[in-house]
PDB file of N, CA and C in Angstrom:
ATOM      1  N   MET A   1      82.097-116.096-107.603  1.00  0.00           N
ATOM      2  CA  MET A   1      82.760-115.365-106.548  1.00  0.00           C
ATOM      3  C   MET A   1      81.777-114.523-105.747  1.00  0.00           C
ATOM      4  N   PHE A   2      80.851-113.856-106.410  1.00  0.00           N
ATOM      5  CA  PHE A   2      79.978-112.930-105.710  1.00  0.00           C
ATOM      6  C   PHE A   2      78.796-113.610-105.034  1.00  0.00           C
ATOM      7  N   ILE A   3      78.727-114.937-105.125  1.00  0.00           N
ATOM      8  CA  ILE A   3      77.674-115.649-104.419  1.00  0.00           C
ATOM      9  C   ILE A   3      78.104-115.942-102.982  1.00  0.00           C
ATOM     10  N   ASP A   4      79.372-116.103-102.763  1.00  0.00           N
ATOM     11  CA  ASP A   4      79.896-116.436-101.438  1.00  0.00           C
ATOM     12  C   ASP A   4      79.919-115.189-100.558  1.00  0.00           C
ATOM     13  N   PRO A   5      79.065-115.140 -99.522  1.00  0.00           N
ATOM     14  CA  PRO A   5      79.018-113.964 -98.649  1.00  0.00           C
ATOM     15  C   PRO A   5      80.364-113.625 -98.003  1.00  0.00           C
ATOM     16  N   THR A   6      81.160-114.637 -97.670  1.00  0.00           N
ATOM     17  CA  THR A   6      82.464-114.388 -97.058  1.00  0.00           C
ATOM     18  C   THR A   6      83.385-113.657 -98.032  1.00  0.00           C
ATOM     19  N   LYS A   7      83.375-114.070 -99.287  1.00  0.00           N
ATOM     20  CA  LYS A   7      84.206-113.397-100.295  1.00  0.00           C
ATOM     21  C   LYS A   7      83.715-111.974-100.548  1.00  0.00           C
ATOM     22  N   LEU A   8      82.406-111.782-100.519  1.00  0.00           N
ATOM     23  CA  LEU A   8      81.865-110.429-100.678  1.00  0.00           C
ATOM     24  C   LEU A   8      82.334-109.527 -99.538  1.00  0.00           C
ATOM     25  N   GLU A   9      82.264-110.037 -98.328  1.00  0.00           N
ATOM     26  CA  GLU A   9      82.700-109.256 -97.172  1.00  0.00           C
ATOM     27  C   GLU A   9      84.182-108.891 -97.298  1.00  0.00           C
ATOM     28  N   THR A  10      85.001-109.854 -97.694  1.00  0.00           N
ATOM     29  CA  THR A  10      86.433-109.596 -97.878  1.00  0.00           C
ATOM     30  C   THR A  10      86.660-108.541 -98.949  1.00  0.00           C
ATOM     31  N   LEU A  11      85.943-108.625-100.045  1.00  0.00           N
ATOM     32  CA  LEU A  11      86.061-107.656-101.128  1.00  0.00           C
ATOM     33  C   LEU A  11      85.740-106.241-100.630  1.00  0.00           C
ATOM     34  N   PHE A  12      84.692-106.110 -99.852  1.00  0.00           N
ATOM     35  CA  PHE A  12      84.311-104.795 -99.327  1.00  0.00           C
ATOM     36  C   PHE A  12      85.320-104.300 -98.286  1.00  0.00           C
ATOM     37  N   GLN A  13      85.858-105.207 -97.483  1.00  0.00           N
ATOM     38  CA  GLN A  13      86.903-104.817 -96.526  1.00  0.00           C
ATOM     39  C   GLN A  13      88.115-104.257 -97.258  1.00  0.00           C
ATOM     40  N   LYS A  14      88.533-104.939 -98.324  1.00  0.00           N
ATOM     41  CA  LYS A  14      89.681-104.478 -99.105  1.00  0.00           C
ATOM     42  C   LYS A  14      89.416-103.120 -99.748  1.00  0.00           C
ATOM     43  N   ALA A  15      88.148-102.819 -99.990  1.00  0.00           N
ATOM     44  CA  ALA A  15      87.780-101.528-100.576  1.00  0.00           C
ATOM     45  C   ALA A  15      87.660-100.437 -99.516  1.00  0.00           C
ATOM     46  N   GLY A  16      87.908-100.801 -98.253  1.00  0.00           N
ATOM     47  CA  GLY A  16      87.921 -99.799 -97.186  1.00  0.00           C
ATOM     48  C   GLY A  16      86.639 -99.664 -96.394  1.00  0.00           C
ATOM     49  N   PHE A  17      85.685-100.567 -96.595  1.00  0.00           N
ATOM     50  CA  PHE A  17      84.433-100.491 -95.859  1.00  0.00           C
ATOM     51  C   PHE A  17      84.572-101.148 -94.490  1.00  0.00           C
ATOM     52  N   THR A  18      83.784-100.683 -93.538  1.00  0.00           N
ATOM     53  CA  THR A  18      83.712-101.274 -92.200  1.00  0.00           C
ATOM     54  C   THR A  18      82.248-101.572 -91.898  1.00  0.00           C
ATOM     55  N   ASP A  19      81.990-102.199 -90.763  1.00  0.00           N
ATOM     56  CA  ASP A  19      80.620-102.522 -90.341  1.00  0.00           C
ATOM     57  C   ASP A  19      79.833-103.189 -91.475  1.00  0.00           C
ATOM     58  N   ILE A  20      80.444-104.173 -92.093  1.00  0.00           N
ATOM     59  CA  ILE A  20      79.863-104.823 -93.273  1.00  0.00           C
ATOM     60  C   ILE A  20      78.887-105.908 -92.842  1.00  0.00           C
ATOM     61  N   GLU A  21      77.732-105.906 -93.474  1.00  0.00           N
ATOM     62  CA  GLU A  21      76.736-106.949 -93.259  1.00  0.00           C
ATOM     63  C   GLU A  21      76.310-107.486 -94.619  1.00  0.00           C
ATOM     64  N   VAL A  22      76.298-108.798 -94.761  1.00  0.00           N
ATOM     65  CA  VAL A  22      75.858-109.430 -95.998  1.00  0.00           C
ATOM     66  C   VAL A  22      74.607-110.250 -95.691  1.00  0.00           C
ATOM     67  N   SER A  23      73.534-109.962 -96.395  1.00  0.00           N
ATOM     68  CA  SER A  23      72.294-110.725 -96.258  1.00  0.00           C
ATOM     69  C   SER A  23      72.052-111.467 -97.564  1.00  0.00           C
ATOM     70  N   SER A  24      71.698-112.731 -97.461  1.00  0.00           N
ATOM     71  CA  SER A  24      71.452-113.547 -98.648  1.00  0.00           C
ATOM     72  C   SER A  24      69.986-113.941 -98.705  1.00  0.00           C
ATOM     73  N   LEU A  25      69.449-113.942 -99.910  1.00  0.00           N
ATOM     74  CA  LEU A  25      68.058-114.298-100.125  1.00  0.00           C
ATOM     75  C   LEU A  25      67.981-115.265-101.300  1.00  0.00           C
ATOM     76  N   ALA A  26      67.378-116.415-101.059  1.00  0.00           N
ATOM     77  CA  ALA A  26      67.176-117.376-102.142  1.00  0.00           C
ATOM     78  C   ALA A  26      66.105-116.834-103.081  1.00  0.00           C
ATOM     79  N   THR A  27      66.318-117.027-104.376  1.00  0.00           N
ATOM     80  CA  THR A  27      65.364-116.538-105.367  1.00  0.00           C
ATOM     81  C   THR A  27      64.951-117.672-106.296  1.00  0.00           C
ATOM     82  N   GLY A  28      63.886-117.446-107.002  1.00  0.00           N
ATOM     83  CA  GLY A  28      63.423-118.403-107.989  1.00  0.00           C
ATOM     84  C   GLY A  28      62.957-117.668-109.234  1.00  0.00           C
ATOM     85  N   GLN A  29      63.065-118.326-110.342  1.00  0.00           N
ATOM     86  CA  GLN A  29      62.639-117.749-111.618  1.00  0.00           C
ATOM     87  C   GLN A  29      61.799-118.792-112.331  1.00  0.00           C
ATOM     88  N   ARG A  30      60.597-118.431-112.688  1.00  0.00           N
ATOM     89  CA  ARG A  30      59.736-119.331-113.454  1.00  0.00           C
ATOM     90  C   ARG A  30      59.422-118.669-114.792  1.00  0.00           C
ATOM     91  N   MET A  31      59.607-119.441-115.842  1.00  0.00           N
ATOM     92  CA  MET A  31      59.312-118.959-117.190  1.00  0.00           C
ATOM     93  C   MET A  31      58.578-120.067-117.947  1.00  0.00           C
ATOM     94  N   GLU A  32      57.992-119.686-119.055  1.00  0.00           N
ATOM     95  CA  GLU A  32      57.273-120.639-119.896  1.00  0.00           C
ATOM     96  C   GLU A  32      58.190-121.768-120.365  1.00  0.00           C
ATOM     97  N   SER A  33      59.439-121.412-120.673  1.00  0.00           N
ATOM     98  CA  SER A  33      60.379-122.408-121.188  1.00  0.00           C
ATOM     99  C   SER A  33      61.804-121.918-120.969  1.00  0.00           C
ATOM    100  N   ALA A  34      62.766-122.811-121.173  1.00  0.00           N
ATOM    101  CA  ALA A  34      64.175-122.417-121.100  1.00  0.00           C
ATOM    102  C   ALA A  34      64.486-121.401-122.194  1.00  0.00           C
ATOM    103  N   ALA A  35      63.876-121.572-123.364  1.00  0.00           N
ATOM    104  CA  ALA A  35      64.093-120.611-124.458  1.00  0.00           C
ATOM    105  C   ALA A  35      63.623-119.209-124.059  1.00  0.00           C
ATOM    106  N   SER A  36      62.525-119.131-123.325  1.00  0.00           N
ATOM    107  CA  SER A  36      62.042-117.829-122.835  1.00  0.00           C
ATOM    108  C   SER A  36      63.038-117.211-121.864  1.00  0.00           C
ATOM    109  N   GLU A  37      63.636-118.062-121.037  1.00  0.00           N
ATOM    110  CA  GLU A  37      64.644-117.586-120.081  1.00  0.00           C
ATOM    111  C   GLU A  37      65.864-117.045-120.824  1.00  0.00           C
ATOM    112  N   VAL A  38      66.319-117.749-121.841  1.00  0.00           N
ATOM    113  CA  VAL A  38      67.465-117.286-122.624  1.00  0.00           C
ATOM    114  C   VAL A  38      67.135-115.941-123.274  1.00  0.00           C
ATOM    115  N   SER A  39      65.944-115.811-123.824  1.00  0.00           N
ATOM    116  CA  SER A  39      65.537-114.541-124.445  1.00  0.00           C
ATOM    117  C   SER A  39      65.547-113.411-123.433  1.00  0.00           C
ATOM    118  N   MET A  40      65.044-113.682-122.219  1.00  0.00           N
ATOM    119  CA  MET A  40      65.025-112.656-121.184  1.00  0.00           C
ATOM    120  C   MET A  40      66.452-112.248-120.816  1.00  0.00           C
ATOM    121  N   ILE A  41      67.325-113.219-120.651  1.00  0.00           N
ATOM    122  CA  ILE A  41      68.718-112.924-120.303  1.00  0.00           C
ATOM    123  C   ILE A  41      69.381-112.150-121.433  1.00  0.00           C
ATOM    124  N   ARG A  42      69.167-112.612-122.637  1.00  0.00           N
ATOM    125  CA  ARG A  42      69.813-112.006-123.808  1.00  0.00           C
ATOM    126  C   ARG A  42      69.334-110.567-124.033  1.00  0.00           C
ATOM    127  N   ASP A  43      68.050-110.345-123.856  1.00  0.00           N
ATOM    128  CA  ASP A  43      67.480-109.021-124.125  1.00  0.00           C
ATOM    129  C   ASP A  43      67.508-108.083-122.928  1.00  0.00           C
ATOM    130  N   GLY A  44      67.584-108.644-121.729  1.00  0.00           N
ATOM    131  CA  GLY A  44      67.408-107.811-120.551  1.00  0.00           C
ATOM    132  C   GLY A  44      68.616-107.578-119.671  1.00  0.00           C
ATOM    133  N   TYR A  45      69.698-108.288-119.910  1.00  0.00           N
ATOM    134  CA  TYR A  45      70.848-108.163-119.023  1.00  0.00           C
ATOM    135  C   TYR A  45      72.100-107.796-119.813  1.00  0.00           C
ATOM    136  N   ALA A  46      72.402-106.525-119.861  1.00  0.00           N
ATOM    137  CA  ALA A  46      73.555-106.038-120.628  1.00  0.00           C
ATOM    138  C   ALA A  46      74.859-106.667-120.140  1.00  0.00           C
ATOM    139  N   PHE A  47      74.939-106.986-118.851  1.00  0.00           N
ATOM    140  CA  PHE A  47      76.159-107.580-118.306  1.00  0.00           C
ATOM    141  C   PHE A  47      76.529-108.852-119.057  1.00  0.00           C
ATOM    142  N   TYR A  48      75.541-109.723-119.263  1.00  0.00           N
ATOM    143  CA  TYR A  48      75.831-110.994-119.927  1.00  0.00           C
ATOM    144  C   TYR A  48      76.207-110.784-121.390  1.00  0.00           C
ATOM    145  N   LYS A  49      75.545-109.843-122.037  1.00  0.00           N
ATOM    146  CA  LYS A  49      75.889-109.544-123.424  1.00  0.00           C
ATOM    147  C   LYS A  49      77.311-109.003-123.519  1.00  0.00           C
ATOM    148  N   SER A  50      77.717-108.225-122.527  1.00  0.00           N
ATOM    149  CA  SER A  50      79.064-107.640-122.559  1.00  0.00           C
ATOM    150  C   SER A  50      80.155-108.698-122.413  1.00  0.00           C
ATOM    151  N   LEU A  51      79.839-109.823-121.775  1.00  0.00           N
ATOM    152  CA  LEU A  51      80.827-110.883-121.584  1.00  0.00           C
ATOM    153  C   LEU A  51      81.288-111.501-122.906  1.00  0.00           C
ATOM    154  N   ILE A  52      80.405-111.469-123.895  1.00  0.00           N
ATOM    155  CA  ILE A  52      80.753-112.093-125.174  1.00  0.00           C
ATOM    156  C   ILE A  52      80.775-111.081-126.322  1.00  0.00           C
ATOM    157  N   ALA A  53      80.666-109.815-126.013  1.00  0.00           N
ATOM    158  CA  ALA A  53      80.559-108.771-127.042  1.00  0.00           C
ATOM    159  C   ALA A  53      81.753-108.728-127.986  1.00  0.00           C
ATOM    160  N   ASP A  54      82.931-109.100-127.510  1.00  0.00           N
ATOM    161  CA  ASP A  54      84.131-109.040-128.349  1.00  0.00           C
ATOM    162  C   ASP A  54      84.311-110.274-129.237  1.00  0.00           C
ATOM    163  N   LEU A  55      83.451-111.244-129.082  1.00  0.00           N
ATOM    164  CA  LEU A  55      83.547-112.460-129.897  1.00  0.00           C
ATOM    165  C   LEU A  55      82.916-112.224-131.268  1.00  0.00           C
ATOM    166  N   PRO A  56      83.365-112.956-132.266  1.00  0.00           N
ATOM    167  CA  PRO A  56      82.699-112.885-133.578  1.00  0.00           C
ATOM    168  C   PRO A  56      81.239-113.327-133.446  1.00  0.00           C
ATOM    169  N   ALA A  57      80.406-112.888-134.362  1.00  0.00           N
ATOM    170  CA  ALA A  57      78.966-113.162-134.297  1.00  0.00           C
ATOM    171  C   ALA A  57      78.656-114.651-134.192  1.00  0.00           C
ATOM    172  N   ASP A  58      79.380-115.495-134.921  1.00  0.00           N
ATOM    173  CA  ASP A  58      79.095-116.931-134.867  1.00  0.00           C
ATOM    174  C   ASP A  58      79.409-117.516-133.491  1.00  0.00           C
ATOM    175  N   ARG A  59      80.443-117.012-132.844  1.00  0.00           N
ATOM    176  CA  ARG A  59      80.788-117.501-131.493  1.00  0.00           C
ATOM    177  C   ARG A  59      79.772-116.997-130.467  1.00  0.00           C
ATOM    178  N   GLN A  60      79.261-115.763-130.656  1.00  0.00           N
ATOM    179  CA  GLN A  60      78.202-115.264-129.776  1.00  0.00           C
ATOM    180  C   GLN A  60      76.960-116.142-129.892  1.00  0.00           C
ATOM    181  N   SER A  61      76.585-116.467-131.122  1.00  0.00           N
ATOM    182  CA  SER A  61      75.418-117.342-131.338  1.00  0.00           C
ATOM    183  C   SER A  61      75.634-118.704-130.688  1.00  0.00           C
ATOM    184  N   ALA A  62      76.846-119.221-130.796  1.00  0.00           N
ATOM    185  CA  ALA A  62      77.157-120.512-130.178  1.00  0.00           C
ATOM    186  C   ALA A  62      77.053-120.429-128.652  1.00  0.00           C
ATOM    187  N   ALA A  63      77.468-119.318-128.079  1.00  0.00           N
ATOM    188  CA  ALA A  63      77.386-119.143-126.619  1.00  0.00           C
ATOM    189  C   ALA A  63      75.929-119.124-126.161  1.00  0.00           C
ATOM    190  N   TRP A  64      75.075-118.405-126.899  1.00  0.00           N
ATOM    191  CA  TRP A  64      73.657-118.367-126.527  1.00  0.00           C
ATOM    192  C   TRP A  64      73.022-119.743-126.693  1.00  0.00           C
ATOM    193  N   ALA A  65      73.412-120.462-127.734  1.00  0.00           N
ATOM    194  CA  ALA A  65      72.884-121.814-127.951  1.00  0.00           C
ATOM    195  C   ALA A  65      73.320-122.752-126.830  1.00  0.00           C
ATOM    196  N   GLU A  66      74.563-122.615-126.387  1.00  0.00           N
ATOM    197  CA  GLU A  66      75.050-123.446-125.283  1.00  0.00           C
ATOM    198  C   GLU A  66      74.287-123.143-123.993  1.00  0.00           C
ATOM    199  N   LEU A  67      74.000-121.863-123.754  1.00  0.00           N
ATOM    200  CA  LEU A  67      73.212-121.496-122.575  1.00  0.00           C
ATOM    201  C   LEU A  67      71.828-122.130-122.647  1.00  0.00           C
ATOM    202  N   ALA A  68      71.229-122.129-123.828  1.00  0.00           N
ATOM    203  CA  ALA A  68      69.904-122.742-123.992  1.00  0.00           C
ATOM    204  C   ALA A  68      69.933-124.221-123.648  1.00  0.00           C
ATOM    205  N   VAL A  69      70.975-124.913-124.071  1.00  0.00           N
ATOM    206  CA  VAL A  69      71.113-126.348-123.776  1.00  0.00           C
ATOM    207  C   VAL A  69      71.242-126.566-122.270  1.00  0.00           C
ATOM    208  N   ILE A  70      72.048-125.745-121.638  1.00  0.00           N
ATOM    209  CA  ILE A  70      72.261-125.882-120.194  1.00  0.00           C
ATOM    210  C   ILE A  70      70.973-125.608-119.421  1.00  0.00           C
ATOM    211  N   LEU A  71      70.272-124.531-119.787  1.00  0.00           N
ATOM    212  CA  LEU A  71      69.051-124.178-119.062  1.00  0.00           C
ATOM    213  C   LEU A  71      67.913-125.153-119.322  1.00  0.00           C
ATOM    214  N   LYS A  72      67.967-125.858-120.431  1.00  0.00           N
ATOM    215  CA  LYS A  72      66.940-126.854-120.760  1.00  0.00           C
ATOM    216  C   LYS A  72      66.846-127.923-119.672  1.00  0.00           C
ATOM    217  N   ARG A  73      67.946-128.160-118.968  1.00  0.00           N
ATOM    218  CA  ARG A  73      67.940-129.154-117.876  1.00  0.00           C
ATOM    219  C   ARG A  73      67.007-128.754-116.742  1.00  0.00           C
ATOM    220  N   PHE A  74      66.656-127.476-116.664  1.00  0.00           N
ATOM    221  CA  PHE A  74      65.800-126.980-115.591  1.00  0.00           C
ATOM    222  C   PHE A  74      64.356-126.804-116.058  1.00  0.00           C
ATOM    223  N   GLU A  75      64.048-127.392-117.198  1.00  0.00           N
ATOM    224  CA  GLU A  75      62.708-127.298-117.756  1.00  0.00           C
ATOM    225  C   GLU A  75      61.949-128.573-117.444  1.00  0.00           C
ATOM    226  N   GLY A  76      60.719-128.401-117.003  1.00  0.00           N
ATOM    227  CA  GLY A  76      59.879-129.551-116.690  1.00  0.00           C
ATOM    228  C   GLY A  76      58.495-129.338-117.265  1.00  0.00           C
ATOM    229  N   PRO A  77      57.548-130.134-116.809  1.00  0.00           N
ATOM    230  CA  PRO A  77      56.187-130.043-117.338  1.00  0.00           C
ATOM    231  C   PRO A  77      55.540-128.676-117.112  1.00  0.00           C
ATOM    232  N   ASP A  78      56.006-127.974-116.084  1.00  0.00           N
ATOM    233  CA  ASP A  78      55.444-126.656-115.782  1.00  0.00           C
ATOM    234  C   ASP A  78      56.296-125.516-116.331  1.00  0.00           C
ATOM    235  N   GLY A  79      57.261-125.836-117.182  1.00  0.00           N
ATOM    236  CA  GLY A  79      58.117-124.811-117.768  1.00  0.00           C
ATOM    237  C   GLY A  79      59.483-124.778-117.102  1.00  0.00           C
ATOM    238  N   PHE A  80      60.145-123.652-117.249  1.00  0.00           N
ATOM    239  CA  PHE A  80      61.492-123.466-116.694  1.00  0.00           C
ATOM    240  C   PHE A  80      61.401-122.995-115.257  1.00  0.00           C
ATOM    241  N   THR A  81      62.190-123.610-114.399  1.00  0.00           N
ATOM    242  CA  THR A  81      62.304-123.176-113.012  1.00  0.00           C
ATOM    243  C   THR A  81      63.781-123.105-112.666  1.00  0.00           C
ATOM    244  N   GLY A  82      64.245-121.926-112.341  1.00  0.00           N
ATOM    245  CA  GLY A  82      65.638-121.735-111.957  1.00  0.00           C
ATOM    246  C   GLY A  82      65.718-121.166-110.553  1.00  0.00           C
ATOM    247  N   THR A  83      66.801-121.462-109.888  1.00  0.00           N
ATOM    248  CA  THR A  83      67.005-120.925-108.548  1.00  0.00           C
ATOM    249  C   THR A  83      68.249-120.055-108.554  1.00  0.00           C
ATOM    250  N   GLY A  84      68.341-119.215-107.574  1.00  0.00           N
ATOM    251  CA  GLY A  84      69.502-118.338-107.473  1.00  0.00           C
ATOM    252  C   GLY A  84      69.610-117.748-106.086  1.00  0.00           C
ATOM    253  N   GLN A  85      70.447-116.766-105.981  1.00  0.00           N
ATOM    254  CA  GLN A  85      70.686-116.112-104.697  1.00  0.00           C
ATOM    255  C   GLN A  85      71.003-114.652-104.955  1.00  0.00           C
ATOM    256  N   ILE A  86      70.419-113.809-104.150  1.00  0.00           N
ATOM    257  CA  ILE A  86      70.722-112.380-104.187  1.00  0.00           C
ATOM    258  C   ILE A  86      71.418-112.043-102.882  1.00  0.00           C
ATOM    259  N   ASN A  87      72.512-111.324-102.981  1.00  0.00           N
ATOM    260  CA  ASN A  87      73.227-110.879-101.787  1.00  0.00           C
ATOM    261  C   ASN A  87      73.134-109.363-101.685  1.00  0.00           C
ATOM    262  N   LEU A  88      72.743-108.892-100.523  1.00  0.00           N
ATOM    263  CA  LEU A  88      72.705-107.465-100.240  1.00  0.00           C
ATOM    264  C   LEU A  88      73.860-107.171 -99.298  1.00  0.00           C
ATOM    265  N   VAL A  89      74.732-106.260 -99.707  1.00  0.00           N
ATOM    266  CA  VAL A  89      75.892-105.906 -98.887  1.00  0.00           C
ATOM    267  C   VAL A  89      75.729-104.466 -98.429  1.00  0.00           C
ATOM    268  N   VAL A  90      75.852-104.264 -97.116  1.00  0.00           N
ATOM    269  CA  VAL A  90      75.763-102.932 -96.533  1.00  0.00           C
ATOM    270  C   VAL A  90      77.031-102.707 -95.711  1.00  0.00           C
ATOM    271  N   GLY A  91      77.588-101.538 -95.852  1.00  0.00           N
ATOM    272  CA  GLY A  91      78.791-101.214 -95.086  1.00  0.00           C
ATOM    273  C   GLY A  91      78.962 -99.720 -94.955  1.00  0.00           C
ATOM    274  N   ARG A  92      79.939 -99.344 -94.198  1.00  0.00           N
ATOM    275  CA  ARG A  92      80.238 -97.929 -93.970  1.00  0.00           C
ATOM    276  C   ARG A  92      81.631 -97.642 -94.527  1.00  0.00           C
ATOM    277  N   LYS A  93      81.740 -96.581 -95.282  1.00  0.00           N
ATOM    278  CA  LYS A  93      83.039 -96.169 -95.838  1.00  0.00           C
ATOM    279  C   LYS A  93      83.464 -94.923 -95.050  1.00  0.00           C
ATOM    280  N   PRO A  94      84.447 -95.097 -94.155  1.00  0.00           N
ATOM    281  CA  PRO A  94      84.890 -93.953 -93.344  1.00  0.00           C
ATOM    282  C   PRO A  94      85.418 -92.825 -94.236  1.00  0.00           C
ATOM    283  N   ALA A  95      85.200 -91.615 -93.769  1.00  0.00           N
ATOM    284  CA  ALA A  95      85.720 -90.445 -94.483  1.00  0.00           C
ATOM    285  C   ALA A  95      87.254 -90.470 -94.454  1.00  0.00           C
ATOM    286  N   PRO A  96      87.882 -90.034 -95.559  1.00  0.00           N
ATOM    287  CA  PRO A  96      89.349 -90.049 -95.588  1.00  0.00           C
ATOM    288  C   PRO A  96      89.975 -89.091 -94.595  1.00  0.00           C
TER     289      PRO A  96
END
């Protein structure tokens, strides 16, 4: 949902913002391996850990293992290469 600039703009409009501008920037991530990428995500991004925090430990381990399998598809001779997008949203919130 938050990758689509139009949906981001709508979300900010509903929150009462005006003069909204969304800028998108393509990003890339290079790591030694997909396993290194999983470790970085697991250790460095509390948001992702919070998504599965309520699951039993075995299900959490299974989720991380599934992510490793998925990210392995982006691994080549030079290691892991992933792409993404960062959206910067700027707007004005009028005083009440």
